[in-house]
Amino acid sequence: MDEKVLLCGLFEVYGKLLTDKKREIFELYYMCDLSLSEVAEIKGISRQSVLDALKSAKSELLEYEEKLSFYEIKSNLLELGKSLGDDALSRITEIIED
């Protein structure tokens, strides 16, 4: 799996556990597809600070998944729903989103 896709999926599940600063930097870099320099300018910090925050956020997200496995469980449920048909997938998606 592409690292960016994985990290964005993990962020969807665990993003609220990050500090506001890390969450905002992650969103700007990964979700808005801005460069390190652009994020640094928006946040009024150095490129190195952006990079450090991203590395820390990535590490935390991976650690949460290692300990809790919610992203894996979510992915498995969606795969199960796909195999059971559109109605099941729709219901599982509805449950997961709540």
PDB file of N, CA and C in Angstrom:
ATOM      1  N   MET A   1       0.847  -1.181   0.000  1.00  0.00           N
ATOM      2  CA  MET A   1       0.000   0.000   0.000  1.00  0.00           C
ATOM      3  C   MET A   1       0.892   1.243   0.000  1.00  0.00           C
ATOM      4  N   ASP A   2       0.463   2.238  -0.745  1.00  0.00           N
ATOM      5  CA  ASP A   2       1.184   3.494  -0.809  1.00  0.00           C
ATOM      6  C   ASP A   2       1.225   4.131   0.587  1.00  0.00           C
ATOM      7  N   GLU A   3       2.389   4.638   0.970  1.00  0.00           N
ATOM      8  CA  GLU A   3       2.556   5.195   2.316  1.00  0.00           C
ATOM      9  C   GLU A   3       1.601   6.359   2.583  1.00  0.00           C
ATOM     10  N   LYS A   4       1.417   7.224   1.585  1.00  0.00           N
ATOM     11  CA  LYS A   4       0.532   8.375   1.774  1.00  0.00           C
ATOM     12  C   LYS A   4      -0.905   7.909   2.021  1.00  0.00           C
ATOM     13  N   VAL A   5      -1.349   6.908   1.277  1.00  0.00           N
ATOM     14  CA  VAL A   5      -2.708   6.377   1.453  1.00  0.00           C
ATOM     15  C   VAL A   5      -2.850   5.791   2.857  1.00  0.00           C
ATOM     16  N   LEU A   6      -1.852   5.018   3.283  1.00  0.00           N
ATOM     17  CA  LEU A   6      -1.874   4.434   4.617  1.00  0.00           C
ATOM     18  C   LEU A   6      -1.918   5.517   5.689  1.00  0.00           C
ATOM     19  N   LEU A   7      -1.053   6.506   5.586  1.00  0.00           N
ATOM     20  CA  LEU A   7      -1.006   7.567   6.591  1.00  0.00           C
ATOM     21  C   LEU A   7      -2.302   8.364   6.641  1.00  0.00           C
ATOM     22  N   CYS A   8      -2.892   8.623   5.489  1.00  0.00           N
ATOM     23  CA  CYS A   8      -4.166   9.350   5.471  1.00  0.00           C
ATOM     24  C   CYS A   8      -5.277   8.501   6.091  1.00  0.00           C
ATOM     25  N   GLY A   9      -5.244   7.199   5.859  1.00  0.00           N
ATOM     26  CA  GLY A   9      -6.210   6.310   6.495  1.00  0.00           C
ATOM     27  C   GLY A   9      -6.035   6.269   7.996  1.00  0.00           C
ATOM     28  N   LEU A  10      -4.799   6.198   8.428  1.00  0.00           N
ATOM     29  CA  LEU A  10      -4.518   6.210   9.867  1.00  0.00           C
ATOM     30  C   LEU A  10      -4.930   7.542  10.486  1.00  0.00           C
ATOM     31  N   PHE A  11      -4.685   8.620   9.758  1.00  0.00           N
ATOM     32  CA  PHE A  11      -5.070   9.945  10.240  1.00  0.00           C
ATOM     33  C   PHE A  11      -6.583  10.045  10.398  1.00  0.00           C
ATOM     34  N   GLU A  12      -7.320   9.451   9.468  1.00  0.00           N
ATOM     35  CA  GLU A  12      -8.787   9.451   9.543  1.00  0.00           C
ATOM     36  C   GLU A  12      -9.259   8.779  10.832  1.00  0.00           C
ATOM     37  N   VAL A  13      -8.559   7.715  11.226  1.00  0.00           N
ATOM     38  CA  VAL A  13      -8.943   6.965  12.419  1.00  0.00           C
ATOM     39  C   VAL A  13      -8.401   7.604  13.697  1.00  0.00           C
ATOM     40  N   TYR A  14      -7.145   8.018  13.684  1.00  0.00           N
ATOM     41  CA  TYR A  14      -6.469   8.456  14.911  1.00  0.00           C
ATOM     42  C   TYR A  14      -6.103   9.939  14.957  1.00  0.00           C
ATOM     43  N   GLY A  15      -6.432  10.693  13.929  1.00  0.00           N
ATOM     44  CA  GLY A  15      -5.999  12.087  13.835  1.00  0.00           C
ATOM     45  C   GLY A  15      -6.357  12.952  15.029  1.00  0.00           C
ATOM     46  N   LYS A  16      -7.500  12.682  15.635  1.00  0.00           N
ATOM     47  CA  LYS A  16      -7.930  13.494  16.785  1.00  0.00           C
ATOM     48  C   LYS A  16      -7.047  13.276  18.008  1.00  0.00           C
ATOM     49  N   LEU A  17      -6.227  12.240  17.977  1.00  0.00           N
ATOM     50  CA  LEU A  17      -5.329  11.980  19.102  1.00  0.00           C
ATOM     51  C   LEU A  17      -4.028  12.782  19.003  1.00  0.00           C
ATOM     52  N   LEU A  18      -3.780  13.371  17.849  1.00  0.00           N
ATOM     53  CA  LEU A  18      -2.589  14.202  17.667  1.00  0.00           C
ATOM     54  C   LEU A  18      -2.834  15.586  18.271  1.00  0.00           C
ATOM     55  N   THR A  19      -1.753  16.291  18.574  1.00  0.00           N
ATOM     56  CA  THR A  19      -1.899  17.671  19.035  1.00  0.00           C
ATOM     57  C   THR A  19      -2.470  18.516  17.899  1.00  0.00           C
ATOM     58  N   ASP A  20      -3.051  19.637  18.235  1.00  0.00           N
ATOM     59  CA  ASP A  20      -3.623  20.525  17.216  1.00  0.00           C
ATOM     60  C   ASP A  20      -2.567  20.910  16.183  1.00  0.00           C
ATOM     61  N   LYS A  21      -1.378  21.234  16.649  1.00  0.00           N
ATOM     62  CA  LYS A  21      -0.302  21.651  15.753  1.00  0.00           C
ATOM     63  C   LYS A  21       0.053  20.533  14.771  1.00  0.00           C
ATOM     64  N   LYS A  22       0.264  19.331  15.271  1.00  0.00           N
ATOM     65  CA  LYS A  22       0.610  18.204  14.398  1.00  0.00           C
ATOM     66  C   LYS A  22      -0.530  17.893  13.438  1.00  0.00           C
ATOM     67  N   ARG A  23      -1.759  17.961  13.924  1.00  0.00           N
ATOM     68  CA  ARG A  23      -2.921  17.660  13.087  1.00  0.00           C
ATOM     69  C   ARG A  23      -3.022  18.677  11.944  1.00  0.00           C
ATOM     70  N   GLU A  24      -2.851  19.947  12.248  1.00  0.00           N
ATOM     71  CA  GLU A  24      -2.935  20.992  11.227  1.00  0.00           C
ATOM     72  C   GLU A  24      -1.821  20.849  10.188  1.00  0.00           C
ATOM     73  N   ILE A  25      -0.611  20.589  10.646  1.00  0.00           N
ATOM     74  CA  ILE A  25       0.519  20.424   9.731  1.00  0.00           C
ATOM     75  C   ILE A  25       0.307  19.193   8.856  1.00  0.00           C
ATOM     76  N   PHE A  26      -0.152  18.099   9.453  1.00  0.00           N
ATOM     77  CA  PHE A  26      -0.418  16.877   8.690  1.00  0.00           C
ATOM     78  C   PHE A  26      -1.462  17.151   7.605  1.00  0.00           C
ATOM     79  N   GLU A  27      -2.543  17.812   7.972  1.00  0.00           N
ATOM     80  CA  GLU A  27      -3.605  18.114   7.006  1.00  0.00           C
ATOM     81  C   GLU A  27      -3.101  18.990   5.866  1.00  0.00           C
ATOM     82  N   LEU A  28      -2.337  20.004   6.185  1.00  0.00           N
ATOM     83  CA  LEU A  28      -1.814  20.886   5.144  1.00  0.00           C
ATOM     84  C   LEU A  28      -0.886  20.136   4.195  1.00  0.00           C
ATOM     85  N   TYR A  29      -0.033  19.304   4.746  1.00  0.00           N
ATOM     86  CA  TYR A  29       0.954  18.603   3.917  1.00  0.00           C
ATOM     87  C   TYR A  29       0.329  17.443   3.132  1.00  0.00           C
ATOM     88  N   TYR A  30      -0.403  16.579   3.816  1.00  0.00           N
ATOM     89  CA  TYR A  30      -0.930  15.384   3.157  1.00  0.00           C
ATOM     90  C   TYR A  30      -2.287  15.596   2.490  1.00  0.00           C
ATOM     91  N   MET A  31      -3.181  16.286   3.125  1.00  0.00           N
ATOM     92  CA  MET A  31      -4.535  16.433   2.582  1.00  0.00           C
ATOM     93  C   MET A  31      -4.625  17.568   1.558  1.00  0.00           C
ATOM     94  N   CYS A  32      -3.923  18.655   1.827  1.00  0.00           N
ATOM     95  CA  CYS A  32      -3.938  19.800   0.907  1.00  0.00           C
ATOM     96  C   CYS A  32      -2.800  19.744  -0.102  1.00  0.00           C
ATOM     97  N   ASP A  33      -1.914  18.768   0.065  1.00  0.00           N
ATOM     98  CA  ASP A  33      -0.796  18.532  -0.854  1.00  0.00           C
ATOM     99  C   ASP A  33       0.114  19.751  -1.003  1.00  0.00           C
ATOM    100  N   LEU A  34       0.386  20.422   0.121  1.00  0.00           N
ATOM    101  CA  LEU A  34       1.297  21.562   0.111  1.00  0.00           C
ATOM    102  C   LEU A  34       2.721  21.084   0.364  1.00  0.00           C
ATOM    103  N   SER A  35       3.684  21.850  -0.068  1.00  0.00           N
ATOM    104  CA  SER A  35       5.093  21.519   0.159  1.00  0.00           C
ATOM    105  C   SER A  35       5.483  21.870   1.597  1.00  0.00           C
ATOM    106  N   LEU A  36       6.638  21.375   2.015  1.00  0.00           N
ATOM    107  CA  LEU A  36       7.146  21.719   3.346  1.00  0.00           C
ATOM    108  C   LEU A  36       7.281  23.226   3.499  1.00  0.00           C
ATOM    109  N   SER A  37       7.794  23.877   2.451  1.00  0.00           N
ATOM    110  CA  SER A  37       7.983  25.330   2.493  1.00  0.00           C
ATOM    111  C   SER A  37       6.655  26.064   2.601  1.00  0.00           C
ATOM    112  N   GLU A  38       5.656  25.604   1.870  1.00  0.00           N
ATOM    113  CA  GLU A  38       4.344  26.242   1.926  1.00  0.00           C
ATOM    114  C   GLU A  38       3.715  26.085   3.308  1.00  0.00           C
ATOM    115  N   VAL A  39       3.817  24.898   3.877  1.00  0.00           N
ATOM    116  CA  VAL A  39       3.276  24.669   5.216  1.00  0.00           C
ATOM    117  C   VAL A  39       4.014  25.543   6.228  1.00  0.00           C
ATOM    118  N   ALA A  40       5.334  25.603   6.097  1.00  0.00           N
ATOM    119  CA  ALA A  40       6.143  26.413   7.014  1.00  0.00           C
ATOM    120  C   ALA A  40       5.729  27.881   6.952  1.00  0.00           C
ATOM    121  N   GLU A  41       5.503  28.375   5.753  1.00  0.00           N
ATOM    122  CA  GLU A  41       5.110  29.770   5.597  1.00  0.00           C
ATOM    123  C   GLU A  41       3.736  30.023   6.229  1.00  0.00           C
ATOM    124  N   ILE A  42       2.791  29.124   5.980  1.00  0.00           N
ATOM    125  CA  ILE A  42       1.443  29.280   6.533  1.00  0.00           C
ATOM    126  C   ILE A  42       1.472  29.247   8.060  1.00  0.00           C
ATOM    127  N   LYS A  43       2.249  28.330   8.621  1.00  0.00           N
ATOM    128  CA  LYS A  43       2.298  28.159  10.077  1.00  0.00           C
ATOM    129  C   LYS A  43       3.283  29.114  10.753  1.00  0.00           C
ATOM    130  N   GLY A  44       4.122  29.789   9.974  1.00  0.00           N
ATOM    131  CA  GLY A  44       5.088  30.715  10.539  1.00  0.00           C
ATOM    132  C   GLY A  44       6.212  30.016  11.289  1.00  0.00           C
ATOM    133  N   ILE A  45       6.617  28.836  10.775  1.00  0.00           N
ATOM    134  CA  ILE A  45       7.688  28.054  11.390  1.00  0.00           C
ATOM    135  C   ILE A  45       8.681  27.634  10.307  1.00  0.00           C
ATOM    136  N   SER A  46       9.762  27.020  10.700  1.00  0.00           N
ATOM    137  CA  SER A  46      10.778  26.593   9.737  1.00  0.00           C
ATOM    138  C   SER A  46      10.363  25.295   9.033  1.00  0.00           C
ATOM    139  N   ARG A  47      10.992  25.040   7.880  1.00  0.00           N
ATOM    140  CA  ARG A  47      10.765  23.776   7.166  1.00  0.00           C
ATOM    141  C   ARG A  47      11.127  22.598   8.062  1.00  0.00           C
ATOM    142  N   GLN A  48      12.201  22.750   8.828  1.00  0.00           N
ATOM    143  CA  GLN A  48      12.647  21.675   9.716  1.00  0.00           C
ATOM    144  C   GLN A  48      11.594  21.375  10.782  1.00  0.00           C
ATOM    145  N   SER A  49      10.955  22.412  11.292  1.00  0.00           N
ATOM    146  CA  SER A  49       9.896  22.208  12.282  1.00  0.00           C
ATOM    147  C   SER A  49       8.711  21.467  11.670  1.00  0.00           C
ATOM    148  N   VAL A  50       8.397  21.780  10.422  1.00  0.00           N
ATOM    149  CA  VAL A  50       7.319  21.074   9.718  1.00  0.00           C
ATOM    150  C   VAL A  50       7.700  19.612   9.565  1.00  0.00           C
ATOM    151  N   LEU A  51       8.916  19.373   9.109  1.00  0.00           N
ATOM    152  CA  LEU A  51       9.384  18.002   8.917  1.00  0.00           C
ATOM    153  C   LEU A  51       9.380  17.229  10.235  1.00  0.00           C
ATOM    154  N   ASP A  52       9.834  17.854  11.296  1.00  0.00           N
ATOM    155  CA  ASP A  52       9.838  17.203  12.614  1.00  0.00           C
ATOM    156  C   ASP A  52       8.419  16.858  13.063  1.00  0.00           C
ATOM    157  N   ALA A  53       7.486  17.776  12.863  1.00  0.00           N
ATOM    158  CA  ALA A  53       6.091  17.536  13.257  1.00  0.00           C
ATOM    159  C   ALA A  53       5.493  16.394  12.437  1.00  0.00           C
ATOM    160  N   LEU A  54       5.803  16.349  11.146  1.00  0.00           N
ATOM    161  CA  LEU A  54       5.295  15.273  10.291  1.00  0.00           C
ATOM    162  C   LEU A  54       5.865  13.920  10.691  1.00  0.00           C
ATOM    163  N   LYS A  55       7.161  13.890  10.982  1.00  0.00           N
ATOM    164  CA  LYS A  55       7.785  12.633  11.425  1.00  0.00           C
ATOM    165  C   LYS A  55       7.178  12.158  12.736  1.00  0.00           C
ATOM    166  N   SER A  56       6.959  13.082  13.651  1.00  0.00           N
ATOM    167  CA  SER A  56       6.374  12.745  14.938  1.00  0.00           C
ATOM    168  C   SER A  56       4.934  12.251  14.768  1.00  0.00           C
ATOM    169  N   ALA A  57       4.159  12.938  13.939  1.00  0.00           N
ATOM    170  CA  ALA A  57       2.774  12.534  13.688  1.00  0.00           C
ATOM    171  C   ALA A  57       2.731  11.147  13.061  1.00  0.00           C
ATOM    172  N   LYS A  58       3.590  10.920  12.082  1.00  0.00           N
ATOM    173  CA  LYS A  58       3.652   9.606  11.422  1.00  0.00           C
ATOM    174  C   LYS A  58       3.968   8.515  12.441  1.00  0.00           C
ATOM    175  N   SER A  59       4.936   8.766  13.265  1.00  0.00           N
ATOM    176  CA  SER A  59       5.335   7.798  14.283  1.00  0.00           C
ATOM    177  C   SER A  59       4.185   7.506  15.243  1.00  0.00           C
ATOM    178  N   GLU A  60       3.494   8.543  15.678  1.00  0.00           N
ATOM    179  CA  GLU A  60       2.367   8.364  16.597  1.00  0.00           C
ATOM    180  C   GLU A  60       1.237   7.584  15.946  1.00  0.00           C
ATOM    181  N   LEU A  61       0.908   7.926  14.704  1.00  0.00           N
ATOM    182  CA  LEU A  61      -0.177   7.229  14.004  1.00  0.00           C
ATOM    183  C   LEU A  61       0.136   5.742  13.847  1.00  0.00           C
ATOM    184  N   LEU A  62       1.365   5.436  13.474  1.00  0.00           N
ATOM    185  CA  LEU A  62       1.773   4.035  13.324  1.00  0.00           C
ATOM    186  C   LEU A  62       1.754   3.306  14.663  1.00  0.00           C
ATOM    187  N   GLU A  63       2.144   4.001  15.717  1.00  0.00           N
ATOM    188  CA  GLU A  63       2.142   3.394  17.050  1.00  0.00           C
ATOM    189  C   GLU A  63       0.712   3.114  17.528  1.00  0.00           C
ATOM    190  N   TYR A  64      -0.196   4.062  17.282  1.00  0.00           N
ATOM    191  CA  TYR A  64      -1.596   3.828  17.648  1.00  0.00           C
ATOM    192  C   TYR A  64      -2.136   2.599  16.928  1.00  0.00           C
ATOM    193  N   GLU A  65      -1.832   2.496  15.637  1.00  0.00           N
ATOM    194  CA  GLU A  65      -2.337   1.357  14.863  1.00  0.00           C
ATOM    195  C   GLU A  65      -1.726   0.047  15.348  1.00  0.00           C
ATOM    196  N   GLU A  66      -0.450   0.074  15.670  1.00  0.00           N
ATOM    197  CA  GLU A  66       0.221  -1.127  16.166  1.00  0.00           C
ATOM    198  C   GLU A  66      -0.444  -1.629  17.448  1.00  0.00           C
ATOM    199  N   LYS A  67      -0.838  -0.693  18.306  1.00  0.00           N
ATOM    200  CA  LYS A  67      -1.425  -1.069  19.593  1.00  0.00           C
ATOM    201  C   LYS A  67      -2.924  -1.351  19.519  1.00  0.00           C
ATOM    202  N   LEU A  68      -3.647  -0.638  18.652  1.00  0.00           N
ATOM    203  CA  LEU A  68      -5.104  -0.714  18.653  1.00  0.00           C
ATOM    204  C   LEU A  68      -5.711  -1.443  17.448  1.00  0.00           C
ATOM    205  N   SER A  69      -5.061  -1.369  16.317  1.00  0.00           N
ATOM    206  CA  SER A  69      -5.491  -2.044  15.070  1.00  0.00           C
ATOM    207  C   SER A  69      -6.859  -1.608  14.553  1.00  0.00           C
ATOM    208  N   PHE A  70      -7.333  -0.426  14.911  1.00  0.00           N
ATOM    209  CA  PHE A  70      -8.642   0.028  14.445  1.00  0.00           C
ATOM    210  C   PHE A  70      -8.684   0.201  12.927  1.00  0.00           C
ATOM    211  N   TYR A  71      -7.611   0.696  12.336  1.00  0.00           N
ATOM    212  CA  TYR A  71      -7.576   0.885  10.885  1.00  0.00           C
ATOM    213  C   TYR A  71      -7.668  -0.469  10.171  1.00  0.00           C
ATOM    214  N   GLU A  72      -6.953  -1.443  10.669  1.00  0.00           N
ATOM    215  CA  GLU A  72      -6.999  -2.783  10.081  1.00  0.00           C
ATOM    216  C   GLU A  72      -8.403  -3.379  10.213  1.00  0.00           C
ATOM    217  N   ILE A  73      -9.004  -3.215  11.369  1.00  0.00           N
ATOM    218  CA  ILE A  73     -10.358  -3.724  11.592  1.00  0.00           C
ATOM    219  C   ILE A  73     -11.336  -3.038  10.632  1.00  0.00           C
ATOM    220  N   LYS A  74     -11.214  -1.732  10.500  1.00  0.00           N
ATOM    221  CA  LYS A  74     -12.073  -0.985   9.586  1.00  0.00           C
ATOM    222  C   LYS A  74     -11.903  -1.483   8.156  1.00  0.00           C
ATOM    223  N   SER A  75     -10.663  -1.661   7.736  1.00  0.00           N
ATOM    224  CA  SER A  75     -10.386  -2.148   6.381  1.00  0.00           C
ATOM    225  C   SER A  75     -10.969  -3.538   6.163  1.00  0.00           C
ATOM    226  N   ASN A  76     -10.821  -4.414   7.152  1.00  0.00           N
ATOM    227  CA  ASN A  76     -11.359  -5.771   7.041  1.00  0.00           C
ATOM    228  C   ASN A  76     -12.885  -5.762   6.962  1.00  0.00           C
ATOM    229  N   LEU A  77     -13.524  -4.904   7.742  1.00  0.00           N
ATOM    230  CA  LEU A  77     -14.982  -4.803   7.694  1.00  0.00           C
ATOM    231  C   LEU A  77     -15.459  -4.308   6.327  1.00  0.00           C
ATOM    232  N   LEU A  78     -14.752  -3.347   5.762  1.00  0.00           N
ATOM    233  CA  LEU A  78     -15.127  -2.845   4.436  1.00  0.00           C
ATOM    234  C   LEU A  78     -14.945  -3.914   3.370  1.00  0.00           C
ATOM    235  N   GLU A  79     -13.878  -4.692   3.463  1.00  0.00           N
ATOM    236  CA  GLU A  79     -13.665  -5.800   2.523  1.00  0.00           C
ATOM    237  C   GLU A  79     -14.766  -6.837   2.656  1.00  0.00           C
ATOM    238  N   LEU A  80     -15.146  -7.151   3.876  1.00  0.00           N
ATOM    239  CA  LEU A  80     -16.234  -8.090   4.117  1.00  0.00           C
ATOM    240  C   LEU A  80     -17.529  -7.560   3.504  1.00  0.00           C
ATOM    241  N   GLY A  81     -17.805  -6.299   3.711  1.00  0.00           N
ATOM    242  CA  GLY A  81     -19.002  -5.686   3.142  1.00  0.00           C
ATOM    243  C   GLY A  81     -19.020  -5.766   1.630  1.00  0.00           C
ATOM    244  N   LYS A  82     -17.860  -5.534   0.998  1.00  0.00           N
ATOM    245  CA  LYS A  82     -17.771  -5.635  -0.466  1.00  0.00           C
ATOM    246  C   LYS A  82     -18.109  -7.042  -0.941  1.00  0.00           C
ATOM    247  N   SER A  83     -17.624  -8.027  -0.203  1.00  0.00           N
ATOM    248  CA  SER A  83     -17.860  -9.411  -0.609  1.00  0.00           C
ATOM    249  C   SER A  83     -19.313  -9.835  -0.392  1.00  0.00           C
ATOM    250  N   LEU A  84     -20.015  -9.167   0.524  1.00  0.00           N
ATOM    251  CA  LEU A  84     -21.403  -9.514   0.824  1.00  0.00           C
ATOM    252  C   LEU A  84     -22.406  -8.765  -0.057  1.00  0.00           C
ATOM    253  N   GLY A  85     -21.962  -7.734  -0.731  1.00  0.00           N
ATOM    254  CA  GLY A  85     -22.852  -6.992  -1.626  1.00  0.00           C
ATOM    255  C   GLY A  85     -23.046  -5.554  -1.207  1.00  0.00           C
ATOM    256  N   ASP A  86     -23.732  -4.830  -2.079  1.00  0.00           N
ATOM    257  CA  ASP A  86     -23.893  -3.387  -1.889  1.00  0.00           C
ATOM    258  C   ASP A  86     -24.657  -3.026  -0.619  1.00  0.00           C
ATOM    259  N   ASP A  87     -25.699  -3.780  -0.303  1.00  0.00           N
ATOM    260  CA  ASP A  87     -26.478  -3.472   0.895  1.00  0.00           C
ATOM    261  C   ASP A  87     -25.635  -3.613   2.158  1.00  0.00           C
ATOM    262  N   ALA A  88     -24.879  -4.703   2.225  1.00  0.00           N
ATOM    263  CA  ALA A  88     -24.026  -4.944   3.395  1.00  0.00           C
ATOM    264  C   ALA A  88     -22.928  -3.884   3.479  1.00  0.00           C
ATOM    265  N   LEU A  89     -22.320  -3.574   2.336  1.00  0.00           N
ATOM    266  CA  LEU A  89     -21.267  -2.560   2.308  1.00  0.00           C
ATOM    267  C   LEU A  89     -21.818  -1.213   2.754  1.00  0.00           C
ATOM    268  N   SER A  90     -22.988  -0.866   2.277  1.00  0.00           N
ATOM    269  CA  SER A  90     -23.617   0.396   2.654  1.00  0.00           C
ATOM    270  C   SER A  90     -23.873   0.456   4.157  1.00  0.00           C
ATOM    271  N   ARG A  91     -24.372  -0.624   4.712  1.00  0.00           N
ATOM    272  CA  ARG A  91     -24.675  -0.661   6.158  1.00  0.00           C
ATOM    273  C   ARG A  91     -23.394  -0.605   6.987  1.00  0.00           C
ATOM    274  N   ILE A  92     -22.376  -1.360   6.587  1.00  0.00           N
ATOM    275  CA  ILE A  92     -21.102  -1.361   7.305  1.00  0.00           C
ATOM    276  C   ILE A  92     -20.474   0.029   7.247  1.00  0.00           C
ATOM    277  N   THR A  93     -20.500   0.640   6.090  1.00  0.00           N
ATOM    278  CA  THR A  93     -19.949   1.999   5.929  1.00  0.00           C
ATOM    279  C   THR A  93     -20.682   2.973   6.837  1.00  0.00           C
ATOM    280  N   GLU A  94     -21.989   2.840   6.893  1.00  0.00           N
ATOM    281  CA  GLU A  94     -22.800   3.704   7.752  1.00  0.00           C
ATOM    282  C   GLU A  94     -22.420   3.534   9.228  1.00  0.00           C
ATOM    283  N   ILE A  95     -22.213   2.303   9.647  1.00  0.00           N
ATOM    284  CA  ILE A  95     -21.832   2.026  11.044  1.00  0.00           C
ATOM    285  C   ILE A  95     -20.446   2.586  11.350  1.00  0.00           C
ATOM    286  N   ILE A  96     -19.512   2.374  10.446  1.00  0.00           N
ATOM    287  CA  ILE A  96     -18.129   2.830  10.645  1.00  0.00           C
ATOM    288  C   ILE A  96     -18.065   4.347  10.710  1.00  0.00           C
ATOM    289  N   GLU A  97     -18.826   5.011   9.868  1.00  0.00           N
ATOM    290  CA  GLU A  97     -18.781   6.480   9.786  1.00  0.00           C
ATOM    291  C   GLU A  97     -19.347   7.125  11.038  1.00  0.00           C
ATOM    292  N   ASP A  98     -20.251   6.447  11.742  1.00  0.00           N
ATOM    293  CA  ASP A  98     -20.854   7.027  12.948  1.00  0.00           C
ATOM    294  C   ASP A  98     -19.875   6.979  14.052  1.00  0.00           C
TER     295      ASP A  98
END
